[in-house]
N, C-alpha and C. Protein backbone atom coordinates (compact mmCIF):
# COMPACT_ATOMS: atom_id res chain seq x y z
N LEU A 1 0.84 -1.19 0.00
CA LEU A 1 0.00 0.00 0.00
C LEU A 1 0.87 1.24 0.00
N ARG A 2 0.45 2.25 -0.70
CA ARG A 2 1.22 3.50 -0.71
C ARG A 2 0.54 4.51 0.19
N ARG A 3 1.29 5.45 0.63
CA ARG A 3 0.74 6.51 1.47
C ARG A 3 -0.02 7.50 0.61
N GLN A 4 -1.02 8.14 1.17
CA GLN A 4 -1.83 9.07 0.39
C GLN A 4 -1.07 10.35 0.03
N GLN A 5 -0.04 10.70 0.78
CA GLN A 5 0.68 11.94 0.52
C GLN A 5 1.61 11.82 -0.69
N GLU A 6 2.03 10.61 -1.01
CA GLU A 6 2.98 10.45 -2.10
C GLU A 6 2.27 10.59 -3.45
N PRO A 7 2.82 11.34 -4.34
CA PRO A 7 2.21 11.45 -5.67
C PRO A 7 2.50 10.19 -6.50
N VAL A 8 1.62 9.91 -7.44
CA VAL A 8 1.81 8.78 -8.33
C VAL A 8 2.76 9.22 -9.44
N VAL A 9 3.79 8.46 -9.64
CA VAL A 9 4.79 8.79 -10.65
C VAL A 9 4.69 7.75 -11.76
N ILE A 10 4.49 8.22 -12.97
CA ILE A 10 4.45 7.32 -14.12
C ILE A 10 5.83 7.34 -14.75
N LEU A 11 6.46 6.20 -14.73
CA LEU A 11 7.81 6.13 -15.26
C LEU A 11 7.81 6.06 -16.78
N ASN A 12 7.00 5.19 -17.33
CA ASN A 12 6.93 5.03 -18.78
C ASN A 12 5.47 4.90 -19.17
N ASP A 13 5.16 5.33 -20.37
CA ASP A 13 3.81 5.11 -20.89
C ASP A 13 3.66 3.64 -21.25
N PHE A 14 2.42 3.15 -21.19
CA PHE A 14 2.15 1.77 -21.57
C PHE A 14 2.22 1.66 -23.08
N VAL A 15 2.95 0.70 -23.56
CA VAL A 15 3.12 0.50 -25.00
C VAL A 15 2.30 -0.71 -25.40
N TYR A 16 1.40 -0.49 -26.36
CA TYR A 16 0.54 -1.57 -26.85
C TYR A 16 1.27 -2.39 -27.89
N SER A 17 0.62 -3.47 -28.37
CA SER A 17 1.28 -4.41 -29.28
C SER A 17 1.66 -3.80 -30.62
N ASP A 18 1.04 -2.68 -31.03
CA ASP A 18 1.42 -2.04 -32.30
C ASP A 18 2.41 -0.90 -32.07
N ASN A 19 3.07 -0.90 -30.91
CA ASN A 19 4.09 0.09 -30.54
C ASN A 19 3.56 1.51 -30.43
N THR A 20 2.28 1.66 -30.10
CA THR A 20 1.73 2.98 -29.83
C THR A 20 1.34 3.05 -28.36
N THR A 21 1.11 4.27 -27.90
CA THR A 21 0.70 4.45 -26.51
C THR A 21 -0.78 4.79 -26.40
N THR A 22 -1.50 4.78 -27.52
CA THR A 22 -2.94 5.05 -27.48
C THR A 22 -3.71 3.73 -27.42
N PRO A 23 -4.73 3.67 -26.60
CA PRO A 23 -5.49 2.41 -26.49
C PRO A 23 -6.26 2.09 -27.77
N HIS A 24 -6.42 0.82 -28.02
CA HIS A 24 -7.15 0.36 -29.20
C HIS A 24 -8.65 0.51 -28.99
N GLU A 25 -9.36 0.51 -30.10
CA GLU A 25 -10.82 0.51 -30.00
C GLU A 25 -11.26 -0.84 -29.46
N ALA A 26 -12.49 -0.91 -29.01
CA ALA A 26 -12.99 -2.15 -28.41
C ALA A 26 -12.91 -3.29 -29.41
N LEU A 27 -12.51 -4.43 -28.91
CA LEU A 27 -12.42 -5.62 -29.75
C LEU A 27 -13.81 -6.15 -30.05
N ASP A 28 -13.89 -6.99 -31.05
CA ASP A 28 -15.17 -7.63 -31.34
C ASP A 28 -15.62 -8.44 -30.13
N PRO A 29 -16.91 -8.53 -29.92
CA PRO A 29 -17.37 -9.31 -28.77
C PRO A 29 -16.98 -10.78 -28.92
N ILE A 30 -16.65 -11.39 -27.81
CA ILE A 30 -16.25 -12.79 -27.82
C ILE A 30 -17.49 -13.66 -27.98
N ASP A 31 -17.41 -14.58 -28.91
CA ASP A 31 -18.52 -15.51 -29.13
C ASP A 31 -18.37 -16.67 -28.14
N THR A 32 -19.26 -16.71 -27.18
CA THR A 32 -19.20 -17.78 -26.18
C THR A 32 -20.21 -18.86 -26.51
N THR A 33 -19.73 -20.08 -26.46
CA THR A 33 -20.60 -21.22 -26.67
C THR A 33 -20.82 -21.88 -25.31
N MET A 34 -22.06 -21.88 -24.86
CA MET A 34 -22.38 -22.46 -23.57
C MET A 34 -22.58 -23.96 -23.74
N ASN A 35 -21.85 -24.75 -22.98
CA ASN A 35 -22.01 -26.20 -23.00
C ASN A 35 -23.01 -26.60 -21.93
N LEU A 36 -24.27 -26.33 -22.19
CA LEU A 36 -25.31 -26.62 -21.23
C LEU A 36 -25.87 -28.02 -21.45
N ILE A 37 -26.45 -28.56 -20.41
CA ILE A 37 -27.10 -29.87 -20.52
C ILE A 37 -28.36 -29.70 -21.35
N PRO A 38 -28.57 -30.54 -22.37
CA PRO A 38 -29.79 -30.41 -23.18
C PRO A 38 -31.03 -30.62 -22.30
N PRO A 39 -32.13 -29.93 -22.62
CA PRO A 39 -33.33 -30.04 -21.79
C PRO A 39 -33.84 -31.47 -21.63
N GLY A 40 -33.73 -32.29 -22.66
CA GLY A 40 -34.19 -33.68 -22.56
C GLY A 40 -33.38 -34.47 -21.55
N ALA A 41 -32.05 -34.32 -21.63
CA ALA A 41 -31.19 -35.03 -20.68
C ALA A 41 -31.39 -34.50 -19.26
N LEU A 42 -31.62 -33.21 -19.13
CA LEU A 42 -31.87 -32.61 -17.82
C LEU A 42 -33.16 -33.17 -17.23
N GLY A 43 -34.19 -33.30 -18.06
CA GLY A 43 -35.46 -33.86 -17.60
C GLY A 43 -35.32 -35.32 -17.19
N ILE A 44 -34.56 -36.08 -17.97
CA ILE A 44 -34.36 -37.50 -17.63
C ILE A 44 -33.60 -37.62 -16.31
N GLY A 45 -32.55 -36.82 -16.14
CA GLY A 45 -31.78 -36.85 -14.89
C GLY A 45 -32.61 -36.48 -13.68
N LEU A 46 -33.38 -35.40 -13.81
CA LEU A 46 -34.24 -35.00 -12.69
C LEU A 46 -35.33 -36.02 -12.43
N GLY A 47 -35.86 -36.61 -13.51
CA GLY A 47 -36.89 -37.64 -13.34
C GLY A 47 -36.37 -38.88 -12.62
N LEU A 48 -35.17 -39.32 -13.01
CA LEU A 48 -34.57 -40.49 -12.34
C LEU A 48 -34.20 -40.18 -10.90
N GLY A 49 -33.70 -38.97 -10.65
CA GLY A 49 -33.41 -38.57 -9.28
C GLY A 49 -34.67 -38.52 -8.44
N GLY A 50 -35.74 -37.98 -9.01
CA GLY A 50 -37.02 -37.94 -8.31
C GLY A 50 -37.57 -39.33 -8.07
N LEU A 51 -37.41 -40.22 -9.05
CA LEU A 51 -37.86 -41.60 -8.89
C LEU A 51 -37.09 -42.29 -7.76
N ALA A 52 -35.79 -42.07 -7.68
CA ALA A 52 -34.99 -42.66 -6.61
C ALA A 52 -35.42 -42.11 -5.25
N MET A 53 -35.74 -40.81 -5.19
CA MET A 53 -36.19 -40.23 -3.91
C MET A 53 -37.55 -40.79 -3.50
N VAL A 54 -38.46 -40.92 -4.47
CA VAL A 54 -39.78 -41.49 -4.16
C VAL A 54 -39.63 -42.95 -3.73
N ALA A 55 -38.77 -43.70 -4.40
CA ALA A 55 -38.55 -45.10 -4.03
C ALA A 55 -37.96 -45.21 -2.63
N ALA A 56 -37.02 -44.33 -2.29
CA ALA A 56 -36.42 -44.36 -0.96
C ALA A 56 -37.46 -44.07 0.12
N VAL A 57 -38.29 -43.08 -0.13
CA VAL A 57 -39.36 -42.77 0.84
C VAL A 57 -40.34 -43.93 0.91
N GLY A 58 -40.68 -44.51 -0.24
CA GLY A 58 -41.61 -45.65 -0.26
C GLY A 58 -41.08 -46.84 0.52
N TRP A 59 -39.80 -47.18 0.31
CA TRP A 59 -39.22 -48.31 1.04
C TRP A 59 -39.10 -48.02 2.53
N CYS A 60 -38.86 -46.76 2.86
CA CYS A 60 -38.78 -46.39 4.28
C CYS A 60 -40.15 -46.54 4.94
N VAL A 61 -41.20 -46.10 4.26
CA VAL A 61 -42.56 -46.25 4.78
C VAL A 61 -42.91 -47.72 4.89
N TRP A 62 -42.57 -48.51 3.87
CA TRP A 62 -42.86 -49.95 3.90
C TRP A 62 -42.14 -50.62 5.07
N THR A 63 -40.88 -50.24 5.28
CA THR A 63 -40.11 -50.80 6.39
C THR A 63 -40.76 -50.45 7.73
N PHE A 64 -41.22 -49.22 7.86
CA PHE A 64 -41.87 -48.80 9.11
C PHE A 64 -43.17 -49.57 9.33
N GLN A 65 -43.94 -49.74 8.28
CA GLN A 65 -45.22 -50.45 8.41
C GLN A 65 -45.02 -51.93 8.73
N ASN A 66 -43.95 -52.53 8.25
CA ASN A 66 -43.71 -53.96 8.44
C ASN A 66 -42.60 -54.23 9.46
N ARG A 67 -42.34 -53.29 10.34
CA ARG A 67 -41.23 -53.42 11.27
C ARG A 67 -41.40 -54.56 12.27
N ASN A 68 -42.61 -55.07 12.46
CA ASN A 68 -42.85 -56.16 13.42
C ASN A 68 -42.74 -57.55 12.80
N ARG A 69 -42.56 -57.62 11.49
CA ARG A 69 -42.36 -58.92 10.85
C ARG A 69 -40.96 -59.43 11.17
N ASP A 70 -40.83 -60.76 11.21
CA ASP A 70 -39.56 -61.36 11.60
C ASP A 70 -38.40 -60.94 10.70
N VAL A 71 -38.63 -60.94 9.40
CA VAL A 71 -37.54 -60.61 8.46
C VAL A 71 -37.06 -59.18 8.67
N ILE A 72 -37.99 -58.27 8.89
CA ILE A 72 -37.61 -56.87 9.08
C ILE A 72 -36.97 -56.67 10.45
N ARG A 73 -37.49 -57.33 11.48
CA ARG A 73 -36.89 -57.21 12.82
C ARG A 73 -35.46 -57.73 12.82
N ILE A 74 -35.23 -58.85 12.13
CA ILE A 74 -33.87 -59.40 12.05
C ILE A 74 -32.94 -58.45 11.30
N SER A 75 -33.46 -57.77 10.31
CA SER A 75 -32.65 -56.83 9.52
C SER A 75 -32.44 -55.51 10.23
N GLN A 76 -33.04 -55.31 11.36
CA GLN A 76 -33.01 -54.09 12.15
C GLN A 76 -33.52 -52.90 11.34
N PRO A 77 -34.77 -52.55 11.56
CA PRO A 77 -35.41 -51.49 10.79
C PRO A 77 -34.68 -50.15 10.87
N ILE A 78 -33.98 -49.89 11.95
CA ILE A 78 -33.27 -48.61 12.05
C ILE A 78 -32.19 -48.50 10.97
N PHE A 79 -31.53 -49.61 10.67
CA PHE A 79 -30.50 -49.57 9.63
C PHE A 79 -31.12 -49.55 8.24
N LEU A 80 -32.25 -50.20 8.06
CA LEU A 80 -32.95 -50.11 6.78
C LEU A 80 -33.42 -48.69 6.53
N GLY A 81 -33.91 -48.03 7.57
CA GLY A 81 -34.29 -46.62 7.44
C GLY A 81 -33.10 -45.73 7.15
N GLN A 82 -31.96 -46.06 7.76
CA GLN A 82 -30.74 -45.29 7.51
C GLN A 82 -30.30 -45.47 6.06
N LEU A 83 -30.42 -46.68 5.52
CA LEU A 83 -30.11 -46.90 4.10
C LEU A 83 -31.02 -46.06 3.22
N CYS A 84 -32.31 -46.05 3.54
CA CYS A 84 -33.26 -45.26 2.75
C CYS A 84 -32.92 -43.77 2.81
N LEU A 85 -32.56 -43.29 4.00
CA LEU A 85 -32.19 -41.88 4.15
C LEU A 85 -30.95 -41.54 3.32
N GLY A 86 -29.94 -42.40 3.37
CA GLY A 86 -28.73 -42.16 2.59
C GLY A 86 -29.00 -42.15 1.09
N VAL A 87 -29.83 -43.08 0.62
CA VAL A 87 -30.17 -43.12 -0.81
C VAL A 87 -30.96 -41.87 -1.20
N PHE A 88 -31.86 -41.43 -0.33
CA PHE A 88 -32.63 -40.22 -0.60
C PHE A 88 -31.70 -39.01 -0.74
N ILE A 89 -30.74 -38.90 0.16
CA ILE A 89 -29.82 -37.75 0.12
C ILE A 89 -28.93 -37.82 -1.13
N ILE A 90 -28.45 -39.02 -1.47
CA ILE A 90 -27.65 -39.15 -2.69
C ILE A 90 -28.48 -38.76 -3.92
N ALA A 91 -29.71 -39.22 -3.97
CA ALA A 91 -30.57 -38.90 -5.12
C ALA A 91 -30.88 -37.41 -5.17
N SER A 92 -30.97 -36.76 -4.02
CA SER A 92 -31.27 -35.33 -4.02
C SER A 92 -30.09 -34.49 -4.50
N SER A 93 -28.90 -35.09 -4.59
CA SER A 93 -27.75 -34.34 -5.10
C SER A 93 -27.89 -34.06 -6.60
N VAL A 94 -28.85 -34.68 -7.25
CA VAL A 94 -29.11 -34.40 -8.66
C VAL A 94 -29.64 -32.97 -8.84
N ILE A 95 -30.35 -32.47 -7.84
CA ILE A 95 -30.96 -31.15 -7.96
C ILE A 95 -29.91 -30.05 -8.12
N PRO A 96 -28.90 -29.94 -7.23
CA PRO A 96 -27.92 -28.89 -7.49
C PRO A 96 -27.07 -29.13 -8.74
N MET A 97 -26.92 -30.41 -9.13
CA MET A 97 -26.16 -30.67 -10.37
C MET A 97 -26.93 -30.21 -11.60
N SER A 98 -28.24 -30.09 -11.50
CA SER A 98 -29.04 -29.75 -12.68
C SER A 98 -29.13 -28.25 -12.91
N LEU A 99 -28.69 -27.45 -11.98
CA LEU A 99 -28.77 -26.00 -12.17
C LEU A 99 -27.74 -25.56 -13.19
N GLN A 100 -28.16 -24.66 -14.08
CA GLN A 100 -27.24 -24.15 -15.09
C GLN A 100 -27.55 -22.72 -15.43
N GLU A 101 -27.01 -22.19 -16.48
CA GLU A 101 -26.78 -20.79 -16.76
C GLU A 101 -27.91 -19.77 -16.50
N PRO A 102 -29.16 -19.97 -16.81
CA PRO A 102 -30.09 -18.86 -16.58
C PRO A 102 -30.24 -18.48 -15.11
N VAL A 103 -29.70 -19.28 -14.21
CA VAL A 103 -29.80 -19.01 -12.78
C VAL A 103 -28.71 -18.02 -12.38
N ARG A 104 -28.96 -17.26 -11.32
CA ARG A 104 -27.97 -16.29 -10.83
C ARG A 104 -26.63 -16.97 -10.54
N PRO A 105 -25.52 -16.32 -10.86
CA PRO A 105 -24.21 -16.93 -10.63
C PRO A 105 -23.94 -17.27 -9.16
N GLU A 106 -24.46 -16.47 -8.24
CA GLU A 106 -24.25 -16.78 -6.81
C GLU A 106 -24.90 -18.11 -6.46
N LEU A 107 -26.10 -18.35 -6.98
CA LEU A 107 -26.80 -19.60 -6.72
C LEU A 107 -26.08 -20.78 -7.38
N LEU A 108 -25.51 -20.55 -8.56
CA LEU A 108 -24.74 -21.60 -9.22
C LEU A 108 -23.49 -21.95 -8.41
N ASP A 109 -22.86 -20.95 -7.83
CA ASP A 109 -21.68 -21.21 -6.99
C ASP A 109 -22.06 -22.03 -5.77
N ILE A 110 -23.17 -21.68 -5.14
CA ILE A 110 -23.63 -22.41 -3.96
C ILE A 110 -23.96 -23.85 -4.34
N ALA A 111 -24.67 -24.03 -5.46
CA ALA A 111 -25.03 -25.38 -5.89
C ALA A 111 -23.79 -26.20 -6.23
N CYS A 112 -22.81 -25.57 -6.84
CA CYS A 112 -21.59 -26.27 -7.22
C CYS A 112 -20.82 -26.73 -5.98
N MET A 113 -20.82 -25.91 -4.95
CA MET A 113 -20.12 -26.28 -3.72
C MET A 113 -20.93 -27.27 -2.88
N ALA A 114 -22.26 -27.21 -2.97
CA ALA A 114 -23.11 -28.07 -2.14
C ALA A 114 -23.18 -29.50 -2.68
N GLU A 115 -23.08 -29.68 -3.98
CA GLU A 115 -23.29 -31.01 -4.57
C GLU A 115 -22.35 -32.07 -4.01
N PRO A 116 -21.03 -31.85 -3.97
CA PRO A 116 -20.19 -32.93 -3.42
C PRO A 116 -20.45 -33.18 -1.93
N TRP A 117 -20.82 -32.14 -1.19
CA TRP A 117 -21.12 -32.33 0.23
C TRP A 117 -22.38 -33.16 0.41
N ILE A 118 -23.41 -32.86 -0.37
CA ILE A 118 -24.66 -33.61 -0.27
C ILE A 118 -24.43 -35.07 -0.66
N HIS A 119 -23.74 -35.25 -1.78
CA HIS A 119 -23.48 -36.61 -2.25
C HIS A 119 -22.63 -37.40 -1.24
N SER A 120 -21.60 -36.77 -0.71
CA SER A 120 -20.74 -37.44 0.26
C SER A 120 -21.48 -37.77 1.55
N LEU A 121 -22.33 -36.86 2.01
CA LEU A 121 -23.11 -37.12 3.22
C LEU A 121 -24.03 -38.31 3.01
N GLY A 122 -24.71 -38.36 1.88
CA GLY A 122 -25.58 -39.51 1.59
C GLY A 122 -24.80 -40.80 1.51
N PHE A 123 -23.62 -40.75 0.90
CA PHE A 123 -22.79 -41.95 0.80
C PHE A 123 -22.35 -42.43 2.18
N VAL A 124 -21.92 -41.50 3.03
CA VAL A 124 -21.47 -41.87 4.37
C VAL A 124 -22.61 -42.48 5.18
N ILE A 125 -23.79 -41.90 5.08
CA ILE A 125 -24.94 -42.44 5.82
C ILE A 125 -25.25 -43.85 5.33
N THR A 126 -25.27 -44.04 4.02
CA THR A 126 -25.57 -45.36 3.46
C THR A 126 -24.47 -46.36 3.81
N PHE A 127 -23.23 -45.97 3.61
CA PHE A 127 -22.13 -46.89 3.85
C PHE A 127 -21.98 -47.23 5.33
N SER A 128 -22.24 -46.26 6.20
CA SER A 128 -22.12 -46.54 7.63
C SER A 128 -23.20 -47.50 8.10
N ALA A 129 -24.37 -47.46 7.47
CA ALA A 129 -25.40 -48.45 7.81
C ALA A 129 -24.93 -49.85 7.42
N LEU A 130 -24.33 -49.97 6.26
CA LEU A 130 -23.83 -51.28 5.83
C LEU A 130 -22.67 -51.73 6.71
N ALA A 131 -21.78 -50.81 7.07
CA ALA A 131 -20.65 -51.16 7.94
C ALA A 131 -21.15 -51.56 9.33
N ALA A 132 -22.17 -50.88 9.84
CA ALA A 132 -22.71 -51.22 11.16
C ALA A 132 -23.37 -52.59 11.15
N LYS A 133 -24.08 -52.88 10.07
CA LYS A 133 -24.71 -54.21 9.97
C LYS A 133 -23.64 -55.30 9.85
N THR A 134 -22.57 -55.02 9.13
CA THR A 134 -21.48 -55.99 9.01
C THR A 134 -20.80 -56.20 10.36
N ARG A 135 -20.59 -55.12 11.09
CA ARG A 135 -19.99 -55.24 12.42
C ARG A 135 -20.90 -56.04 13.35
N ARG A 136 -22.18 -55.82 13.22
CA ARG A 136 -23.15 -56.56 14.05
C ARG A 136 -23.05 -58.05 13.77
N LEU A 137 -23.02 -58.42 12.50
CA LEU A 137 -22.90 -59.84 12.14
C LEU A 137 -21.58 -60.42 12.60
N ASN A 138 -20.51 -59.66 12.46
CA ASN A 138 -19.20 -60.12 12.91
C ASN A 138 -19.21 -60.37 14.42
N THR A 139 -19.82 -59.49 15.17
CA THR A 139 -19.92 -59.66 16.62
C THR A 139 -20.71 -60.91 16.97
N LEU A 140 -21.83 -61.11 16.26
CA LEU A 140 -22.66 -62.29 16.54
C LEU A 140 -21.92 -63.58 16.21
N PHE A 141 -21.22 -63.60 15.08
CA PHE A 141 -20.50 -64.82 14.70
C PHE A 141 -19.33 -65.11 15.64
N ASN A 142 -18.64 -64.08 16.07
CA ASN A 142 -17.51 -64.29 16.98
C ASN A 142 -17.98 -64.78 18.35
N HIS A 143 -19.12 -64.30 18.82
CA HIS A 143 -19.64 -64.77 20.10
C HIS A 143 -20.36 -66.10 19.95
N GLY A 144 -20.72 -66.45 18.75
CA GLY A 144 -21.39 -67.73 18.52
C GLY A 144 -20.45 -68.92 18.66
N LYS A 145 -19.15 -68.67 18.56
CA LYS A 145 -18.19 -69.76 18.70
C LYS A 145 -18.23 -70.36 20.11
N GLY A 146 -18.53 -69.54 21.11
CA GLY A 146 -18.60 -70.02 22.48
C GLY A 146 -19.99 -70.52 22.85
N PHE A 147 -20.88 -70.62 21.87
CA PHE A 147 -22.26 -71.08 22.07
C PHE A 147 -22.96 -70.27 23.15
N ARG A 148 -22.72 -68.98 23.14
CA ARG A 148 -23.41 -68.09 24.07
C ARG A 148 -24.44 -67.29 23.30
N ARG A 149 -25.55 -67.06 23.94
CA ARG A 149 -26.58 -66.23 23.33
C ARG A 149 -26.17 -64.77 23.52
N MET A 150 -26.32 -63.99 22.45
CA MET A 150 -25.95 -62.59 22.53
C MET A 150 -26.91 -61.78 21.69
N GLN A 151 -27.18 -60.59 22.15
CA GLN A 151 -28.05 -59.69 21.41
C GLN A 151 -27.30 -58.38 21.20
N VAL A 152 -27.24 -57.95 19.97
CA VAL A 152 -26.56 -56.70 19.63
C VAL A 152 -27.63 -55.68 19.29
N LYS A 153 -27.67 -54.63 20.05
CA LYS A 153 -28.67 -53.57 19.84
C LYS A 153 -28.16 -52.57 18.81
N ALA A 154 -29.07 -51.74 18.33
CA ALA A 154 -28.69 -50.74 17.33
C ALA A 154 -27.69 -49.75 17.89
N HIS A 155 -27.84 -49.37 19.15
CA HIS A 155 -26.91 -48.39 19.71
C HIS A 155 -25.52 -48.97 19.93
N ASP A 156 -25.40 -50.31 19.95
CA ASP A 156 -24.09 -50.94 20.11
C ASP A 156 -23.20 -50.72 18.88
N VAL A 157 -23.80 -50.58 17.73
CA VAL A 157 -23.03 -50.38 16.50
C VAL A 157 -23.16 -48.96 15.96
N LEU A 158 -23.73 -48.08 16.77
CA LEU A 158 -23.93 -46.70 16.34
C LEU A 158 -22.59 -45.97 16.16
N TYR A 159 -21.58 -46.37 16.89
CA TYR A 159 -20.32 -45.64 16.77
C TYR A 159 -19.68 -45.82 15.40
N SER A 160 -20.01 -46.89 14.66
CA SER A 160 -19.53 -47.04 13.28
C SER A 160 -20.01 -45.87 12.42
N PHE A 161 -21.26 -45.51 12.66
CA PHE A 161 -21.84 -44.37 11.94
C PHE A 161 -21.14 -43.08 12.34
N LEU A 162 -20.91 -42.90 13.61
CA LEU A 162 -20.30 -41.66 14.09
C LEU A 162 -18.85 -41.54 13.63
N VAL A 163 -18.13 -42.64 13.55
CA VAL A 163 -16.74 -42.60 13.09
C VAL A 163 -16.69 -42.21 11.62
N LEU A 164 -17.57 -42.76 10.81
CA LEU A 164 -17.56 -42.45 9.38
C LEU A 164 -18.09 -41.05 9.09
N LEU A 165 -18.98 -40.57 9.94
CA LEU A 165 -19.53 -39.24 9.71
C LEU A 165 -18.49 -38.21 10.07
């Protein structure tokens, strides 16, 4: 930074490419070609993302309604719901990916930064449910060698989720 009292000293004039010191007239406007997603492909992507979100909500509702059946109880409905939540969040990452040029640049910047976070969060939620279920089975099999009865609760494997998150 310079002090306000010091005068600005121009040592040399700016020399342009044609060896003159006068600025050129405005150049022709740059022809920009926008590589936007075609409307058909955008519709298909949003439709498939919406279908995945509806399917995730549907399976979550089905799991809740059938949570007292033996197959669902053995599968631990809390982890099935966690899988549905993770899939829903991953599918919702299609929405910020679909935003393009007619939208305000600030919103495009936010969407561009949010997409990997949304996708990663959904992946971690889904993967941690699978890791927790695998840990649960591993615990049961290891304790089964001693022919002891053991019950693994959902909160016993919750730390797998917290570590991955």
